[in-house]
C-alpha atoms as a PDB file:
ATOM      1  CA  UNK A   1       0.000   0.000   0.000  1.00  0.00           C
ATOM      2  CA  UNK A   2       1.560   3.266  -1.101  1.00  0.00           C
ATOM      3  CA  UNK A   3       1.953   6.365   1.036  1.00  0.00           C
ATOM      4  CA  UNK A   4      -0.229   8.378  -1.354  1.00  0.00           C
ATOM      5  CA  UNK A   5      -3.137   5.949  -1.031  1.00  0.00           C
ATOM      6  CA  UNK A   6      -2.901   5.904   2.782  1.00  0.00           C
ATOM      7  CA  UNK A   7      -2.797   9.711   2.731  1.00  0.00           C
ATOM      8  CA  UNK A   8      -5.963   9.950   0.621  1.00  0.00           C
ATOM      9  CA  UNK A   9      -7.690   7.400   2.869  1.00  0.00           C
ATOM     10  CA  UNK A  10      -6.665   9.457   5.917  1.00  0.00           C
ATOM     11  CA  UNK A  11      -8.161  12.588   4.348  1.00  0.00           C
ATOM     12  CA  UNK A  12     -11.440  10.730   3.778  1.00  0.00           C
ATOM     13  CA  UNK A  13     -11.429   9.332   7.334  1.00  0.00           C
ATOM     14  CA  UNK A  14     -10.885  12.859   8.652  1.00  0.00           C
ATOM     15  CA  UNK A  15     -13.853  14.101   6.612  1.00  0.00           C
ATOM     16  CA  UNK A  16     -16.068  11.290   7.915  1.00  0.00           C
ATOM     17  CA  UNK A  17     -15.045  11.508  11.593  1.00  0.00           C
ATOM     18  CA  UNK A  18     -14.966  15.319  11.836  1.00  0.00           C
ATOM     19  CA  UNK A  19     -17.546  16.652   9.397  1.00  0.00           C
ATOM     20  CA  UNK A  20     -19.626  14.168   7.370  1.00  0.00           C
ATOM     21  CA  UNK A  21     -20.158  10.714   8.860  1.00  0.00           C
ATOM     22  CA  UNK A  22     -22.880  10.177   6.265  1.00  0.00           C
ATOM     23  CA  UNK A  23     -20.171  10.131   3.533  1.00  0.00           C
ATOM     24  CA  UNK A  24     -19.400   6.591   4.731  1.00  0.00           C
ATOM     25  CA  UNK A  25     -22.986   5.807   5.739  1.00  0.00           C
ATOM     26  CA  UNK A  26     -22.209   5.808   9.471  1.00  0.00           C
ATOM     27  CA  UNK A  27     -23.113   7.802  12.556  1.00  0.00           C
ATOM     28  CA  UNK A  28     -21.021   9.026  15.464  1.00  0.00           C
ATOM     29  CA  UNK A  29     -22.050   8.663  19.083  1.00  0.00           C
ATOM     30  CA  UNK A  30     -22.319  11.717  21.352  1.00  0.00           C
ATOM     31  CA  UNK A  31     -18.572  11.575  22.032  1.00  0.00           C
ATOM     32  CA  UNK A  32     -17.557  11.323  18.368  1.00  0.00           C
ATOM     33  CA  UNK A  33     -16.823   7.585  18.373  1.00  0.00           C
ATOM     34  CA  UNK A  34     -17.557   5.459  15.291  1.00  0.00           C
ATOM     35  CA  UNK A  35     -17.740   1.672  15.163  1.00  0.00           C
ATOM     36  CA  UNK A  36     -14.649   0.558  13.223  1.00  0.00           C
ATOM     37  CA  UNK A  37     -16.350  -2.330  11.434  1.00  0.00           C
ATOM     38  CA  UNK A  38     -19.142  -0.029  10.218  1.00  0.00           C
ATOM     39  CA  UNK A  39     -16.588   2.600   9.154  1.00  0.00           C
ATOM     40  CA  UNK A  40     -14.590   0.050   7.161  1.00  0.00           C
ATOM     41  CA  UNK A  41     -17.745  -1.343   5.519  1.00  0.00           C
ATOM     42  CA  UNK A  42     -18.990   2.157   4.707  1.00  0.00           C
ATOM     43  CA  UNK A  43     -15.662   3.245   3.256  1.00  0.00           C
ATOM     44  CA  UNK A  44     -15.403   0.135   1.097  1.00  0.00           C
ATOM     45  CA  UNK A  45     -18.993   0.574  -0.099  1.00  0.00           C
ATOM     46  CA  UNK A  46     -18.172   4.157  -1.125  1.00  0.00           C
ATOM     47  CA  UNK A  47     -15.143   3.055  -3.169  1.00  0.00           C
ATOM     48  CA  UNK A  48     -12.434   3.779  -0.592  1.00  0.00           C
ATOM     49  CA  UNK A  49     -10.735   0.375  -0.329  1.00  0.00           C
ATOM     50  CA  UNK A  50      -9.447  -0.154   3.204  1.00  0.00           C
ATOM     51  CA  UNK A  51      -9.019  -2.930   5.759  1.00  0.00           C
ATOM     52  CA  UNK A  52      -8.377  -2.992   9.498  1.00  0.00           C
ATOM     53  CA  UNK A  53      -4.602  -3.206   9.077  1.00  0.00           C
ATOM     54  CA  UNK A  54      -4.542  -0.135   6.826  1.00  0.00           C
ATOM     55  CA  UNK A  55      -6.737   1.812   9.256  1.00  0.00           C
ATOM     56  CA  UNK A  56      -4.454   0.973  12.178  1.00  0.00           C
ATOM     57  CA  UNK A  57      -1.428   2.043  10.101  1.00  0.00           C
ATOM     58  CA  UNK A  58      -3.100   5.398   9.372  1.00  0.00           C
ATOM     59  CA  UNK A  59      -3.862   5.948  13.067  1.00  0.00           C
ATOM     60  CA  UNK A  60      -0.364   4.887  14.141  1.00  0.00           C
ATOM     61  CA  UNK A  61       1.530   6.998  11.597  1.00  0.00           C
ATOM     62  CA  UNK A  62      -0.607  10.146  11.435  1.00  0.00           C
ATOM     63  CA  UNK A  63       1.898  12.933  12.084  1.00  0.00           C
ATOM     64  CA  UNK A  64      -0.721  15.135  13.713  1.00  0.00           C
ATOM     65  CA  UNK A  65      -2.194  12.424  15.942  1.00  0.00           C
ATOM     66  CA  UNK A  66      -5.660  13.116  14.531  1.00  0.00           C
ATOM     67  CA  UNK A  67      -7.270   9.858  15.634  1.00  0.00           C
ATOM     68  CA  UNK A  68      -7.779   7.752  18.741  1.00  0.00           C
ATOM     69  CA  UNK A  69      -8.831   4.144  19.072  1.00  0.00           C
ATOM     70  CA  UNK A  70     -10.976   3.051  22.002  1.00  0.00           C
ATOM     71  CA  UNK A  71      -9.344   0.888  24.651  1.00  0.00           C
ATOM     72  CA  UNK A  72     -11.127  -2.208  23.347  1.00  0.00           C
ATOM     73  CA  UNK A  73     -10.134  -1.389  19.749  1.00  0.00           C
ATOM     74  CA  UNK A  74     -13.735  -1.419  18.528  1.00  0.00           C
ATOM     75  CA  UNK A  75     -14.149   2.326  17.926  1.00  0.00           C
ATOM     76  CA  UNK A  76     -12.285   5.270  16.422  1.00  0.00           C
ATOM     77  CA  UNK A  77     -12.702   9.042  16.647  1.00  0.00           C
ATOM     78  CA  UNK A  78     -11.043  12.253  15.571  1.00  0.00           C
ATOM     79  CA  UNK A  79      -9.363  14.012  18.493  1.00  0.00           C
ATOM     80  CA  UNK A  80     -10.522  17.511  17.527  1.00  0.00           C
ATOM     81  CA  UNK A  81     -11.515  19.658  14.559  1.00  0.00           C
ATOM     82  CA  UNK A  82     -15.169  18.631  14.443  1.00  0.00           C
ATOM     83  CA  UNK A  83     -17.856  20.690  12.777  1.00  0.00           C
ATOM     84  CA  UNK A  84     -20.521  18.203  13.888  1.00  0.00           C
ATOM     85  CA  UNK A  85     -21.635  18.626  17.502  1.00  0.00           C
ATOM     86  CA  UNK A  86     -19.814  16.051  19.626  1.00  0.00           C
ATOM     87  CA  UNK A  87     -18.314  16.064  23.101  1.00  0.00           C
ATOM     88  CA  UNK A  88     -14.818  14.592  22.849  1.00  0.00           C
ATOM     89  CA  UNK A  89     -14.635  14.613  26.645  1.00  0.00           C
ATOM     90  CA  UNK A  90     -11.956  17.264  26.998  1.00  0.00           C
ATOM     91  CA  UNK A  91     -10.889  18.264  30.494  1.00  0.00           C
ATOM     92  CA  UNK A  92     -10.197  21.926  31.221  1.00  0.00           C
ATOM     93  CA  UNK A  93      -6.474  22.662  31.484  1.00  0.00           C
ATOM     94  CA  UNK A  94      -4.320  25.651  32.396  1.00  0.00           C
ATOM     95  CA  UNK A  95      -2.523  26.845  29.258  1.00  0.00           C
ATOM     96  CA  UNK A  96       0.966  28.317  29.066  1.00  0.00           C
ATOM     97  CA  UNK A  97       1.215  32.125  29.162  1.00  0.00           C
ATOM     98  CA  UNK A  98       1.454  32.371  25.373  1.00  0.00           C
ATOM     99  CA  UNK A  99       0.021  30.157  22.654  1.00  0.00           C
ATOM    100  CA  UNK A 100       0.151  30.717  18.899  1.00  0.00           C
ATOM    101  CA  UNK A 101      -2.276  30.660  15.985  1.00  0.00           C
ATOM    102  CA  UNK A 102      -1.081  30.333  12.413  1.00  0.00           C
ATOM    103  CA  UNK A 103      -3.192  31.530   9.522  1.00  0.00           C
ATOM    104  CA  UNK A 104      -2.838  32.922   6.019  1.00  0.00           C
ATOM    105  CA  UNK A 105      -1.935  36.562   5.510  1.00  0.00           C
ATOM    106  CA  UNK A 106      -5.271  37.208   3.756  1.00  0.00           C
ATOM    107  CA  UNK A 107      -7.164  36.493   7.019  1.00  0.00           C
ATOM    108  CA  UNK A 108      -4.982  38.656   9.286  1.00  0.00           C
ATOM    109  CA  UNK A 109      -7.032  41.861   9.026  1.00  0.00           C
ATOM    110  CA  UNK A 110     -10.320  40.111   9.868  1.00  0.00           C
ATOM    111  CA  UNK A 111      -8.661  38.391  12.830  1.00  0.00           C
ATOM    112  CA  UNK A 112      -7.195  41.661  14.127  1.00  0.00           C
ATOM    113  CA  UNK A 113     -10.662  43.228  13.921  1.00  0.00           C
ATOM    114  CA  UNK A 114     -12.859  40.358  15.130  1.00  0.00           C
ATOM    115  CA  UNK A 115     -10.530  37.968  16.931  1.00  0.00           C
ATOM    116  CA  UNK A 116     -10.188  34.234  16.400  1.00  0.00           C
ATOM    117  CA  UNK A 117     -13.434  32.357  15.846  1.00  0.00           C
ATOM    118  CA  UNK A 118     -13.914  28.603  15.337  1.00  0.00           C
ATOM    119  CA  UNK A 119     -15.145  29.180  11.763  1.00  0.00           C
ATOM    120  CA  UNK A 120     -17.439  26.161  11.525  1.00  0.00           C
ATOM    121  CA  UNK A 121     -15.506  24.070  14.013  1.00  0.00           C
ATOM    122  CA  UNK A 122     -16.304  23.654  17.681  1.00  0.00           C
ATOM    123  CA  UNK A 123     -13.077  25.321  18.904  1.00  0.00           C
ATOM    124  CA  UNK A 124     -10.237  27.617  17.882  1.00  0.00           C
ATOM    125  CA  UNK A 125      -7.031  25.587  17.534  1.00  0.00           C
ATOM    126  CA  UNK A 126      -3.832  26.944  19.098  1.00  0.00           C
ATOM    127  CA  UNK A 127      -0.225  25.733  19.024  1.00  0.00           C
ATOM    128  CA  UNK A 128       2.328  25.680  21.821  1.00  0.00           C
ATOM    129  CA  UNK A 129       5.148  26.847  19.514  1.00  0.00           C
ATOM    130  CA  UNK A 130       5.723  29.259  16.652  1.00  0.00           C
ATOM    131  CA  UNK A 131       7.066  26.568  14.293  1.00  0.00           C
ATOM    132  CA  UNK A 132       3.837  24.579  14.405  1.00  0.00           C
ATOM    133  CA  UNK A 133       1.764  27.746  13.920  1.00  0.00           C
ATOM    134  CA  UNK A 134       3.856  28.706  10.866  1.00  0.00           C
ATOM    135  CA  UNK A 135       3.334  25.224   9.418  1.00  0.00           C
ATOM    136  CA  UNK A 136      -0.440  25.505   9.955  1.00  0.00           C
ATOM    137  CA  UNK A 137      -0.577  28.988   8.423  1.00  0.00           C
ATOM    138  CA  UNK A 138       1.514  27.886   5.428  1.00  0.00           C
ATOM    139  CA  UNK A 139      -1.185  25.415   4.406  1.00  0.00           C
ATOM    140  CA  UNK A 140      -3.421  28.312   3.425  1.00  0.00           C
ATOM    141  CA  UNK A 141      -0.972  30.800   1.870  1.00  0.00           C
ATOM    142  CA  UNK A 142       1.707  33.153   3.165  1.00  0.00           C
ATOM    143  CA  UNK A 143       1.705  32.492   6.940  1.00  0.00           C
ATOM    144  CA  UNK A 144       0.985  35.000   9.670  1.00  0.00           C
ATOM    145  CA  UNK A 145       1.303  33.987  13.320  1.00  0.00           C
ATOM    146  CA  UNK A 146      -0.627  35.563  16.166  1.00  0.00           C
ATOM    147  CA  UNK A 147       0.498  35.356  19.769  1.00  0.00           C
ATOM    148  CA  UNK A 148      -2.420  34.577  22.052  1.00  0.00           C
ATOM    149  CA  UNK A 149      -2.246  35.821  25.642  1.00  0.00           C
ATOM    150  CA  UNK A 150      -3.653  32.520  26.857  1.00  0.00           C
ATOM    151  CA  UNK A 151      -2.448  32.924  30.444  1.00  0.00           C
ATOM    152  CA  UNK A 152      -4.303  36.217  30.784  1.00  0.00           C
ATOM    153  CA  UNK A 153      -7.407  34.727  29.131  1.00  0.00           C
ATOM    154  CA  UNK A 154      -7.324  31.824  31.578  1.00  0.00           C
ATOM    155  CA  UNK A 155      -6.999  34.195  34.554  1.00  0.00           C
ATOM    156  CA  UNK A 156      -9.953  36.127  33.115  1.00  0.00           C
ATOM    157  CA  UNK A 157     -12.048  32.947  33.357  1.00  0.00           C
ATOM    158  CA  UNK A 158     -11.888  31.708  29.771  1.00  0.00           C
ATOM    159  CA  UNK A 159     -11.562  27.900  29.646  1.00  0.00           C
ATOM    160  CA  UNK A 160      -8.914  26.061  27.655  1.00  0.00           C
ATOM    161  CA  UNK A 161      -8.660  22.392  26.776  1.00  0.00           C
ATOM    162  CA  UNK A 162      -5.672  20.302  25.746  1.00  0.00           C
ATOM    163  CA  UNK A 163      -6.412  17.664  23.137  1.00  0.00           C
ATOM    164  CA  UNK A 164      -4.672  14.310  23.510  1.00  0.00           C
ATOM    165  CA  UNK A 165      -2.466  15.192  20.522  1.00  0.00           C
ATOM    166  CA  UNK A 166      -1.206  18.453  22.035  1.00  0.00           C
ATOM    167  CA  UNK A 167      -3.493  20.984  20.327  1.00  0.00           C
ATOM    168  CA  UNK A 168      -4.842  23.690  22.643  1.00  0.00           C
ATOM    169  CA  UNK A 169      -8.515  24.539  22.192  1.00  0.00           C
ATOM    170  CA  UNK A 170     -10.755  27.413  23.289  1.00  0.00           C
ATOM    171  CA  UNK A 171     -14.114  28.704  22.070  1.00  0.00           C
ATOM    172  CA  UNK A 172     -12.854  32.084  20.763  1.00  0.00           C
ATOM    173  CA  UNK A 173     -10.083  34.659  21.247  1.00  0.00           C
ATOM    174  CA  UNK A 174     -11.077  38.333  21.411  1.00  0.00           C
ATOM    175  CA  UNK A 175      -8.808  40.827  19.611  1.00  0.00           C
ATOM    176  CA  UNK A 176      -7.526  42.272  22.906  1.00  0.00           C
ATOM    177  CA  UNK A 177      -5.745  38.977  23.636  1.00  0.00           C
ATOM    178  CA  UNK A 178      -3.897  38.909  20.285  1.00  0.00           C
ATOM    179  CA  UNK A 179      -0.535  40.210  19.113  1.00  0.00           C
ATOM    180  CA  UNK A 180       0.553  39.856  15.472  1.00  0.00           C
ATOM    181  CA  UNK A 181       3.954  38.357  14.538  1.00  0.00           C
ATOM    182  CA  UNK A 182       4.314  39.018  10.791  1.00  0.00           C
END
């Protein structure tokens, strides 16, 4: 199985588990879990040829740690990034003083004016380091990185969550908590 095929399967799995479970003819439970056997059957029925071994390889090698398997190995879910309403059972956590958000230059003005919004997702995604934020921003064009005064937000009563793959999440970031780093 080639890298390119696993990559395209991973993209489809991400779509199914985060945004459109119906694309594979499945449903997610309230915590975002999908039955693996139903996912595999649905993917194969939709023309995305995959077996259990390939799925486990995708989960194991995903550089962003997008997916989790249940302890019994019967279910899978995306760790964050959902646009469908699910509760991925995140525990509140105290963030570091500064977190970072990478975006494309073309969105910088709107962010300076209106802050960071989840834009169809359940949370705003923040990085613990500049390098990761630059990488995220580069996916969408010339990158711009914003510093987020996460420590001050937390002290002001705004909750943060740490996903199991190290992504920091919050509902929104008002402009007063942002500093640009062109």
